[in-house]
C-alpha atoms as a PDB file:
ATOM      1  CA  MET A   1       1.995  -1.740   5.290  1.00  0.00           C
ATOM      2  CA  ILE A   2      -0.947   0.512   5.954  1.00  0.00           C
ATOM      3  CA  ALA A   3      -0.866  -0.242   9.683  1.00  0.00           C
ATOM      4  CA  ALA A   4       2.812   0.705   9.823  1.00  0.00           C
ATOM      5  CA  GLU A   5       2.072   4.082   8.254  1.00  0.00           C
ATOM      6  CA  GLN A   6      -0.676   4.734  10.796  1.00  0.00           C
ATOM      7  CA  LYS A   7       1.558   3.703  13.689  1.00  0.00           C
ATOM      8  CA  ALA A   8       4.309   6.047  12.489  1.00  0.00           C
ATOM      9  CA  ARG A   9       1.813   8.914  12.224  1.00  0.00           C
ATOM     10  CA  VAL A  10       0.613   8.328  15.787  1.00  0.00           C
ATOM     11  CA  THR A  11       4.232   8.271  16.973  1.00  0.00           C
ATOM     12  CA  TYR A  12       4.887  11.616  15.270  1.00  0.00           C
ATOM     13  CA  ASP A  13       1.712  13.046  16.809  1.00  0.00           C
ATOM     14  CA  ASN A  14       2.918  11.959  20.257  1.00  0.00           C
ATOM     15  CA  ILE A  15       6.334  13.538  19.695  1.00  0.00           C
ATOM     16  CA  LEU A  16       4.697  16.800  18.627  1.00  0.00           C
ATOM     17  CA  ARG A  17       2.617  16.858  21.829  1.00  0.00           C
ATOM     18  CA  VAL A  18       5.766  16.728  23.959  1.00  0.00           C
ATOM     19  CA  VAL A  19       8.394  18.661  22.000  1.00  0.00           C
ATOM     20  CA  LYS A  20       8.058  22.427  21.678  1.00  0.00           C
ATOM     21  CA  ASP A  21      11.337  23.220  19.876  1.00  0.00           C
ATOM     22  CA  HIS A  22      10.551  24.444  16.335  1.00  0.00           C
ATOM     23  CA  ASP A  23      13.815  23.026  14.993  1.00  0.00           C
ATOM     24  CA  VAL A  24      12.574  19.573  16.027  1.00  0.00           C
ATOM     25  CA  CYS A  25       8.859  20.046  15.329  1.00  0.00           C
ATOM     26  CA  ASP A  26       9.218  21.185  11.720  1.00  0.00           C
ATOM     27  CA  PRO A  27      10.953  18.004  10.462  1.00  0.00           C
ATOM     28  CA  ILE A  28       8.584  15.851  12.548  1.00  0.00           C
ATOM     29  CA  ARG A  29       5.585  17.604  10.961  1.00  0.00           C
ATOM     30  CA  PHE A  30       7.079  16.957   7.522  1.00  0.00           C
ATOM     31  CA  LEU A  31       7.559  13.270   8.345  1.00  0.00           C
ATOM     32  CA  ARG A  32       4.001  13.050   9.714  1.00  0.00           C
ATOM     33  CA  GLU A  33       2.582  14.583   6.527  1.00  0.00           C
ATOM     34  CA  ARG A  34       4.646  12.139   4.470  1.00  0.00           C
ATOM     35  CA  GLU A  35       3.202   9.211   6.433  1.00  0.00           C
ATOM     36  CA  ILE A  36      -0.318  10.498   5.750  1.00  0.00           C
ATOM     37  CA  VAL A  37       0.408  10.626   2.014  1.00  0.00           C
ATOM     38  CA  HIS A  38       1.935   7.135   2.112  1.00  0.00           C
ATOM     39  CA  PHE A  39      -1.162   5.836   3.905  1.00  0.00           C
ATOM     40  CA  GLN A  40      -3.380   7.355   1.216  1.00  0.00           C
ATOM     41  CA  ARG A  41      -1.278   5.960  -1.646  1.00  0.00           C
ATOM     42  CA  PHE A  42      -1.117   2.461  -0.137  1.00  0.00           C
ATOM     43  CA  GLY A  43      -4.886   2.558   0.320  1.00  0.00           C
ATOM     44  CA  GLU A  44      -5.363   3.599  -3.314  1.00  0.00           C
ATOM     45  CA  ALA A  45      -3.037   0.816  -4.494  1.00  0.00           C
ATOM     46  CA  LEU A  46      -4.881  -1.744  -2.374  1.00  0.00           C
ATOM     47  CA  ARG A  47      -8.244  -0.669  -3.782  1.00  0.00           C
ATOM     48  CA  ASP A  48      -6.840  -0.830  -7.335  1.00  0.00           C
ATOM     49  CA  VAL A  49      -5.532  -4.359  -6.792  1.00  0.00           C
ATOM     50  CA  GLN A  50      -8.815  -5.482  -5.231  1.00  0.00           C
ATOM     51  CA  ASP A  51     -10.758  -4.033  -8.164  1.00  0.00           C
ATOM     52  CA  HIS A  52      -8.691  -6.049 -10.651  1.00  0.00           C
ATOM     53  CA  LEU A  53      -8.354  -9.366  -8.823  1.00  0.00           C
ATOM     54  CA  ASP A  54     -10.732 -11.163 -11.171  1.00  0.00           C
ATOM     55  CA  SER A  55      -9.262  -9.679 -14.325  1.00  0.00           C
ATOM     56  CA  ARG A  56      -8.438 -12.204 -17.041  1.00  0.00           C
ATOM     57  CA  ASN A  57      -4.838 -11.058 -17.302  1.00  0.00           C
ATOM     58  CA  PHE A  58      -4.130 -11.316 -13.559  1.00  0.00           C
ATOM     59  CA  TYR A  59      -2.496 -14.729 -13.582  1.00  0.00           C
ATOM     60  CA  ALA A  60      -2.478 -15.350  -9.820  1.00  0.00           C
ATOM     61  CA  PHE A  61      -6.277 -15.474  -9.707  1.00  0.00           C
ATOM     62  CA  ASN A  62      -6.980 -16.769 -13.193  1.00  0.00           C
ATOM     63  CA  PRO A  63      -7.862 -20.483 -12.919  1.00  0.00           C
ATOM     64  CA  ALA A  64      -7.130 -20.951 -16.623  1.00  0.00           C
ATOM     65  CA  PHE A  65      -3.507 -19.998 -16.031  1.00  0.00           C
ATOM     66  CA  ASP A  66      -2.732 -23.327 -14.333  1.00  0.00           C
ATOM     67  CA  GLN A  67      -4.552 -25.442 -16.922  1.00  0.00           C
ATOM     68  CA  PRO A  68      -2.362 -27.268 -19.444  1.00  0.00           C
ATOM     69  CA  GLN A  69      -2.629 -25.929 -22.961  1.00  0.00           C
ATOM     70  CA  LYS A  70      -4.417 -28.253 -25.393  1.00  0.00           C
ATOM     71  CA  SER A  71      -2.359 -29.191 -28.383  1.00  0.00           C
ATOM     72  CA  ASN A  72      -3.886 -28.794 -31.848  1.00  0.00           C
ATOM     73  CA  ALA A  73      -1.504 -31.359 -33.349  1.00  0.00           C
ATOM     74  CA  SER A  74      -2.943 -34.807 -34.078  1.00  0.00           C
ATOM     75  CA  ASN A  75      -1.017 -37.882 -32.938  1.00  0.00           C
END
């Protein structure tokens, strides 16, 4: 996802180098700024997920999650 945001930003930069019409440049600048913000937010989300990967309540990486529960009942 992050790579896609960077690629879009580069595309907008290339368009802005070629186009000189303000009616076209203004929306392209807005879209470019939006891609920058998306890139930052995706990066923040990725860092947050990486920081919590070994958390006890994150079931995908908690080995105890796949262990069968022991029964307290006597047979």
